[in-house]
Amino acid sequence: MSKLLEEIKYDLSFIQSHTLQPKWFKVLKVFLLLGFLGLYVFLFGWGRMIVFVISFFGLMLIVHFMYRAKTERFSRSWLDFIVYEEDGQKKYKRIGMYYYGSIIVNAVLSFIISQIWPNSA
């Protein structure tokens, strides 16, 4: 269990410190997500929003673990995750179309799942 907690701490530390997205976007996406979820509740109800959130975050966890594994804990390049060294420190280029494409695909899949899931209204 302590190994799992260490891995979670490692990922959270990376997420907070990475330069894959501008700092302002890291803050903005929280408000975008909350606004989107509020609109989703207004249009479709709490049940469908909860199904959307569970399916979306589940699918994005798969993407996260895939990037984590293929980049060997975010230490080497893979697809649109580019690692380079500058002044003896690892730096990262902005993430691109593969990652953002997976977000769009997962959002569409989660929307479909939330709309067809029985008794979620």
N, C-alpha and C. Protein backbone atom coordinates (compact mmCIF):
# COMPACT_ATOMS: atom_id res chain seq x y z
N MET A 1 0.82 -1.20 0.00
CA MET A 1 0.00 0.00 0.00
C MET A 1 0.86 1.26 0.00
N SER A 2 2.00 1.22 0.71
CA SER A 2 2.87 2.40 0.74
C SER A 2 3.48 2.67 -0.64
N LYS A 3 3.73 1.61 -1.43
CA LYS A 3 4.25 1.77 -2.79
C LYS A 3 3.23 2.51 -3.65
N LEU A 4 1.95 2.15 -3.53
CA LEU A 4 0.89 2.82 -4.28
C LEU A 4 0.81 4.29 -3.88
N LEU A 5 0.89 4.59 -2.59
CA LEU A 5 0.83 5.98 -2.13
C LEU A 5 2.03 6.78 -2.65
N GLU A 6 3.20 6.16 -2.69
CA GLU A 6 4.39 6.84 -3.24
C GLU A 6 4.20 7.15 -4.73
N GLU A 7 3.62 6.22 -5.48
CA GLU A 7 3.38 6.44 -6.91
C GLU A 7 2.35 7.55 -7.12
N ILE A 8 1.33 7.58 -6.29
CA ILE A 8 0.32 8.64 -6.38
C ILE A 8 0.96 9.99 -6.07
N LYS A 9 1.80 10.05 -5.03
CA LYS A 9 2.50 11.29 -4.70
C LYS A 9 3.40 11.73 -5.85
N TYR A 10 4.08 10.77 -6.47
CA TYR A 10 4.95 11.08 -7.60
C TYR A 10 4.14 11.71 -8.74
N ASP A 11 3.00 11.09 -9.07
CA ASP A 11 2.17 11.61 -10.16
C ASP A 11 1.61 12.99 -9.82
N LEU A 12 1.14 13.18 -8.59
CA LEU A 12 0.61 14.49 -8.20
C LEU A 12 1.69 15.56 -8.25
N SER A 13 2.89 15.21 -7.83
CA SER A 13 4.00 16.15 -7.90
C SER A 13 4.30 16.52 -9.35
N PHE A 14 4.30 15.52 -10.25
CA PHE A 14 4.55 15.80 -11.66
C PHE A 14 3.45 16.68 -12.23
N ILE A 15 2.20 16.35 -11.92
CA ILE A 15 1.07 17.12 -12.46
C ILE A 15 1.17 18.58 -12.03
N GLN A 16 1.56 18.84 -10.78
CA GLN A 16 1.66 20.21 -10.29
C GLN A 16 2.83 20.97 -10.89
N SER A 17 3.92 20.26 -11.19
CA SER A 17 5.13 20.97 -11.60
C SER A 17 5.40 20.98 -13.10
N HIS A 18 4.67 20.20 -13.88
CA HIS A 18 5.02 20.09 -15.30
C HIS A 18 4.77 21.38 -16.07
N THR A 19 5.41 21.47 -17.22
CA THR A 19 5.27 22.64 -18.09
C THR A 19 4.57 22.26 -19.39
N LEU A 20 3.78 21.19 -19.36
CA LEU A 20 3.09 20.74 -20.56
C LEU A 20 1.95 21.67 -20.94
N GLN A 21 1.44 22.41 -19.97
CA GLN A 21 0.40 23.39 -20.22
C GLN A 21 0.79 24.67 -19.48
N PRO A 22 0.40 25.81 -20.01
CA PRO A 22 0.70 27.06 -19.30
C PRO A 22 0.01 27.07 -17.93
N LYS A 23 0.59 27.76 -16.95
CA LYS A 23 0.02 27.81 -15.60
C LYS A 23 -1.41 28.37 -15.62
N TRP A 24 -1.64 29.40 -16.45
CA TRP A 24 -2.98 29.99 -16.48
C TRP A 24 -4.00 28.98 -16.96
N PHE A 25 -3.61 28.05 -17.86
CA PHE A 25 -4.55 27.06 -18.36
C PHE A 25 -4.86 26.01 -17.29
N LYS A 26 -3.87 25.69 -16.45
CA LYS A 26 -4.11 24.75 -15.36
C LYS A 26 -5.21 25.27 -14.44
N VAL A 27 -5.23 26.58 -14.20
CA VAL A 27 -6.26 27.19 -13.36
C VAL A 27 -7.58 27.30 -14.13
N LEU A 28 -7.50 27.76 -15.37
CA LEU A 28 -8.70 27.95 -16.18
C LEU A 28 -9.48 26.65 -16.38
N LYS A 29 -8.78 25.53 -16.57
CA LYS A 29 -9.49 24.28 -16.86
C LYS A 29 -10.31 23.81 -15.68
N VAL A 30 -9.93 24.18 -14.45
CA VAL A 30 -10.75 23.84 -13.29
C VAL A 30 -12.10 24.54 -13.39
N PHE A 31 -12.07 25.83 -13.71
CA PHE A 31 -13.31 26.59 -13.83
C PHE A 31 -14.13 26.15 -15.04
N LEU A 32 -13.46 25.81 -16.14
CA LEU A 32 -14.16 25.29 -17.31
C LEU A 32 -14.87 23.97 -16.97
N LEU A 33 -14.19 23.10 -16.26
CA LEU A 33 -14.76 21.81 -15.89
C LEU A 33 -15.96 22.01 -14.97
N LEU A 34 -15.83 22.86 -13.96
CA LEU A 34 -16.95 23.11 -13.05
C LEU A 34 -18.13 23.72 -13.78
N GLY A 35 -17.87 24.67 -14.69
CA GLY A 35 -18.95 25.27 -15.47
C GLY A 35 -19.63 24.25 -16.37
N PHE A 36 -18.84 23.40 -17.02
CA PHE A 36 -19.38 22.36 -17.88
C PHE A 36 -20.25 21.40 -17.07
N LEU A 37 -19.76 20.97 -15.91
CA LEU A 37 -20.53 20.03 -15.09
C LEU A 37 -21.81 20.67 -14.56
N GLY A 38 -21.76 21.96 -14.22
CA GLY A 38 -22.97 22.66 -13.80
C GLY A 38 -24.00 22.71 -14.92
N LEU A 39 -23.55 23.00 -16.13
CA LEU A 39 -24.44 23.00 -17.29
C LEU A 39 -25.00 21.61 -17.55
N TYR A 40 -24.15 20.60 -17.38
CA TYR A 40 -24.59 19.21 -17.60
C TYR A 40 -25.69 18.85 -16.62
N VAL A 41 -25.54 19.25 -15.36
CA VAL A 41 -26.58 18.99 -14.35
C VAL A 41 -27.86 19.71 -14.74
N PHE A 42 -27.74 20.95 -15.17
CA PHE A 42 -28.91 21.74 -15.55
C PHE A 42 -29.66 21.10 -16.72
N LEU A 43 -28.92 20.62 -17.71
CA LEU A 43 -29.55 20.04 -18.91
C LEU A 43 -30.04 18.61 -18.72
N PHE A 44 -29.27 17.79 -17.98
CA PHE A 44 -29.55 16.35 -17.95
C PHE A 44 -29.79 15.77 -16.57
N GLY A 45 -29.52 16.50 -15.51
CA GLY A 45 -29.75 16.02 -14.15
C GLY A 45 -28.49 15.45 -13.51
N TRP A 46 -28.59 15.30 -12.19
CA TRP A 46 -27.46 14.84 -11.40
C TRP A 46 -27.02 13.42 -11.76
N GLY A 47 -27.97 12.54 -11.98
CA GLY A 47 -27.63 11.14 -12.26
C GLY A 47 -26.78 11.00 -13.51
N ARG A 48 -27.20 11.65 -14.57
CA ARG A 48 -26.44 11.56 -15.82
C ARG A 48 -25.07 12.24 -15.69
N MET A 49 -25.02 13.35 -14.92
CA MET A 49 -23.74 14.02 -14.72
C MET A 49 -22.77 13.11 -13.95
N ILE A 50 -23.26 12.41 -12.94
CA ILE A 50 -22.40 11.51 -12.16
C ILE A 50 -21.88 10.38 -13.04
N VAL A 51 -22.76 9.81 -13.87
CA VAL A 51 -22.31 8.75 -14.80
C VAL A 51 -21.26 9.32 -15.76
N PHE A 52 -21.47 10.54 -16.26
CA PHE A 52 -20.50 11.17 -17.15
C PHE A 52 -19.15 11.32 -16.45
N VAL A 53 -19.16 11.84 -15.23
CA VAL A 53 -17.91 12.08 -14.49
C VAL A 53 -17.17 10.78 -14.24
N ILE A 54 -17.89 9.76 -13.78
CA ILE A 54 -17.24 8.48 -13.49
C ILE A 54 -16.64 7.87 -14.75
N SER A 55 -17.40 7.88 -15.85
CA SER A 55 -16.87 7.28 -17.08
C SER A 55 -15.73 8.11 -17.66
N PHE A 56 -15.85 9.45 -17.64
CA PHE A 56 -14.80 10.29 -18.20
C PHE A 56 -13.50 10.15 -17.41
N PHE A 57 -13.58 10.25 -16.09
CA PHE A 57 -12.36 10.15 -15.30
C PHE A 57 -11.78 8.74 -15.35
N GLY A 58 -12.63 7.74 -15.47
CA GLY A 58 -12.13 6.37 -15.65
C GLY A 58 -11.37 6.23 -16.95
N LEU A 59 -11.93 6.73 -18.04
CA LEU A 59 -11.26 6.67 -19.33
C LEU A 59 -9.96 7.50 -19.34
N MET A 60 -9.98 8.65 -18.69
CA MET A 60 -8.79 9.48 -18.65
C MET A 60 -7.71 8.86 -17.76
N LEU A 61 -8.11 8.09 -16.76
CA LEU A 61 -7.12 7.35 -15.97
C LEU A 61 -6.38 6.35 -16.84
N ILE A 62 -7.10 5.73 -17.76
CA ILE A 62 -6.47 4.80 -18.70
C ILE A 62 -5.44 5.54 -19.55
N VAL A 63 -5.81 6.72 -20.04
CA VAL A 63 -4.88 7.53 -20.84
C VAL A 63 -3.67 7.92 -19.99
N HIS A 64 -3.92 8.34 -18.75
CA HIS A 64 -2.83 8.73 -17.86
C HIS A 64 -1.86 7.58 -17.65
N PHE A 65 -2.39 6.40 -17.33
CA PHE A 65 -1.52 5.25 -17.08
C PHE A 65 -0.79 4.80 -18.33
N MET A 66 -1.42 4.96 -19.49
CA MET A 66 -0.76 4.61 -20.74
C MET A 66 0.43 5.56 -20.99
N TYR A 67 0.20 6.87 -20.85
CA TYR A 67 1.30 7.83 -21.00
C TYR A 67 2.37 7.58 -19.95
N ARG A 68 1.97 7.29 -18.73
CA ARG A 68 2.92 7.05 -17.65
C ARG A 68 3.81 5.84 -17.98
N ALA A 69 3.20 4.78 -18.45
CA ALA A 69 3.96 3.57 -18.78
C ALA A 69 4.85 3.77 -19.99
N LYS A 70 4.30 4.33 -21.06
CA LYS A 70 5.06 4.49 -22.30
C LYS A 70 6.19 5.51 -22.18
N THR A 71 6.05 6.47 -21.27
CA THR A 71 7.10 7.47 -21.08
C THR A 71 8.03 7.11 -19.92
N GLU A 72 7.83 5.93 -19.37
CA GLU A 72 8.63 5.47 -18.23
C GLU A 72 8.64 6.51 -17.11
N ARG A 73 7.45 6.73 -16.58
CA ARG A 73 7.24 7.72 -15.51
C ARG A 73 7.62 9.13 -15.95
N PHE A 74 7.21 9.48 -17.15
CA PHE A 74 7.38 10.83 -17.69
C PHE A 74 8.85 11.22 -17.88
N SER A 75 9.69 10.24 -18.22
CA SER A 75 11.12 10.53 -18.36
C SER A 75 11.63 10.40 -19.79
N ARG A 76 10.80 9.90 -20.72
CA ARG A 76 11.24 9.81 -22.12
C ARG A 76 10.09 10.18 -23.04
N SER A 77 10.42 10.52 -24.25
CA SER A 77 9.42 10.97 -25.21
C SER A 77 8.59 9.80 -25.74
N TRP A 78 7.31 10.11 -26.02
CA TRP A 78 6.40 9.15 -26.65
C TRP A 78 5.23 9.93 -27.22
N LEU A 79 4.88 9.65 -28.48
CA LEU A 79 3.82 10.37 -29.19
C LEU A 79 4.04 11.87 -29.09
N ASP A 80 3.08 12.58 -28.48
CA ASP A 80 3.19 14.03 -28.39
C ASP A 80 3.77 14.50 -27.05
N PHE A 81 4.29 13.58 -26.27
CA PHE A 81 4.95 13.89 -25.00
C PHE A 81 6.45 13.94 -25.28
N ILE A 82 7.01 15.14 -25.37
CA ILE A 82 8.40 15.33 -25.77
C ILE A 82 9.22 15.78 -24.57
N VAL A 83 10.26 14.99 -24.26
CA VAL A 83 11.16 15.30 -23.15
C VAL A 83 12.51 15.72 -23.75
N TYR A 84 13.06 16.80 -23.24
CA TYR A 84 14.40 17.22 -23.66
C TYR A 84 15.14 17.76 -22.43
N GLU A 85 16.42 17.90 -22.56
CA GLU A 85 17.23 18.38 -21.45
C GLU A 85 17.76 19.76 -21.77
N GLU A 86 17.67 20.63 -20.78
CA GLU A 86 18.17 22.00 -20.92
C GLU A 86 18.80 22.41 -19.59
N ASP A 87 20.03 22.82 -19.63
CA ASP A 87 20.78 23.21 -18.43
C ASP A 87 20.78 22.09 -17.38
N GLY A 88 20.87 20.85 -17.85
CA GLY A 88 20.94 19.71 -16.96
C GLY A 88 19.63 19.30 -16.32
N GLN A 89 18.52 19.92 -16.74
CA GLN A 89 17.21 19.58 -16.19
C GLN A 89 16.28 19.11 -17.29
N LYS A 90 15.40 18.18 -16.93
CA LYS A 90 14.41 17.71 -17.90
C LYS A 90 13.36 18.79 -18.10
N LYS A 91 13.04 19.00 -19.37
CA LYS A 91 12.00 19.95 -19.75
C LYS A 91 11.02 19.21 -20.65
N TYR A 92 9.84 19.76 -20.79
CA TYR A 92 8.80 19.10 -21.57
C TYR A 92 8.18 20.11 -22.53
N LYS A 93 8.00 19.69 -23.77
CA LYS A 93 7.28 20.53 -24.72
C LYS A 93 5.78 20.39 -24.45
N ARG A 94 5.03 21.32 -24.97
CA ARG A 94 3.57 21.29 -24.78
C ARG A 94 2.99 20.00 -25.37
N ILE A 95 2.01 19.43 -24.67
CA ILE A 95 1.36 18.24 -25.19
C ILE A 95 0.51 18.63 -26.38
N GLY A 96 0.17 17.66 -27.21
CA GLY A 96 -0.46 18.00 -28.47
C GLY A 96 -1.69 17.21 -28.82
N MET A 97 -1.82 16.94 -30.10
CA MET A 97 -3.05 16.42 -30.68
C MET A 97 -3.43 15.03 -30.18
N TYR A 98 -2.48 14.16 -29.90
CA TYR A 98 -2.86 12.83 -29.42
C TYR A 98 -3.54 12.92 -28.05
N TYR A 99 -2.95 13.70 -27.16
CA TYR A 99 -3.51 13.82 -25.82
C TYR A 99 -4.85 14.55 -25.86
N TYR A 100 -4.89 15.69 -26.52
CA TYR A 100 -6.15 16.44 -26.58
C TYR A 100 -7.21 15.68 -27.39
N GLY A 101 -6.77 14.93 -28.39
CA GLY A 101 -7.70 14.08 -29.13
C GLY A 101 -8.32 13.03 -28.23
N SER A 102 -7.52 12.45 -27.34
CA SER A 102 -8.05 11.44 -26.43
C SER A 102 -9.06 12.06 -25.45
N ILE A 103 -8.84 13.31 -25.07
CA ILE A 103 -9.80 14.00 -24.21
C ILE A 103 -11.14 14.14 -24.93
N ILE A 104 -11.10 14.55 -26.18
CA ILE A 104 -12.33 14.74 -26.95
C ILE A 104 -13.05 13.41 -27.14
N VAL A 105 -12.32 12.37 -27.54
CA VAL A 105 -12.92 11.05 -27.74
C VAL A 105 -13.53 10.55 -26.44
N ASN A 106 -12.80 10.69 -25.33
CA ASN A 106 -13.31 10.22 -24.05
C ASN A 106 -14.52 11.03 -23.59
N ALA A 107 -14.55 12.32 -23.88
CA ALA A 107 -15.72 13.14 -23.53
C ALA A 107 -16.94 12.71 -24.33
N VAL A 108 -16.76 12.44 -25.61
CA VAL A 108 -17.88 11.99 -26.45
C VAL A 108 -18.37 10.62 -25.97
N LEU A 109 -17.45 9.70 -25.72
CA LEU A 109 -17.84 8.37 -25.21
C LEU A 109 -18.57 8.49 -23.87
N SER A 110 -18.08 9.34 -22.99
CA SER A 110 -18.72 9.52 -21.68
C SER A 110 -20.10 10.14 -21.82
N PHE A 111 -20.25 11.07 -22.76
CA PHE A 111 -21.56 11.65 -23.01
C PHE A 111 -22.54 10.56 -23.47
N ILE A 112 -22.11 9.73 -24.41
CA ILE A 112 -22.97 8.65 -24.91
C ILE A 112 -23.32 7.69 -23.78
N ILE A 113 -22.33 7.29 -23.01
CA ILE A 113 -22.58 6.38 -21.89
C ILE A 113 -23.58 6.99 -20.91
N SER A 114 -23.39 8.27 -20.59
CA SER A 114 -24.29 8.90 -19.61
C SER A 114 -25.71 9.04 -20.14
N GLN A 115 -25.86 9.14 -21.45
CA GLN A 115 -27.20 9.28 -22.02
C GLN A 115 -27.93 7.94 -22.18
N ILE A 116 -27.19 6.85 -22.35
CA ILE A 116 -27.85 5.55 -22.53
C ILE A 116 -27.88 4.74 -21.24
N TRP A 117 -27.16 5.17 -20.20
CA TRP A 117 -27.13 4.43 -18.94
C TRP A 117 -28.53 4.43 -18.33
N PRO A 118 -29.04 3.25 -17.98
CA PRO A 118 -30.41 3.19 -17.44
C PRO A 118 -30.49 3.81 -16.03
N ASN A 119 -31.63 4.41 -15.75
CA ASN A 119 -31.93 4.96 -14.42
C ASN A 119 -30.93 6.00 -13.94
N SER A 120 -30.34 6.73 -14.84
CA SER A 120 -29.41 7.76 -14.38
C SER A 120 -30.06 9.14 -14.38
N ALA A 121 -31.34 9.21 -14.70
CA ALA A 121 -32.02 10.49 -14.72
C ALA A 121 -32.61 10.84 -13.39
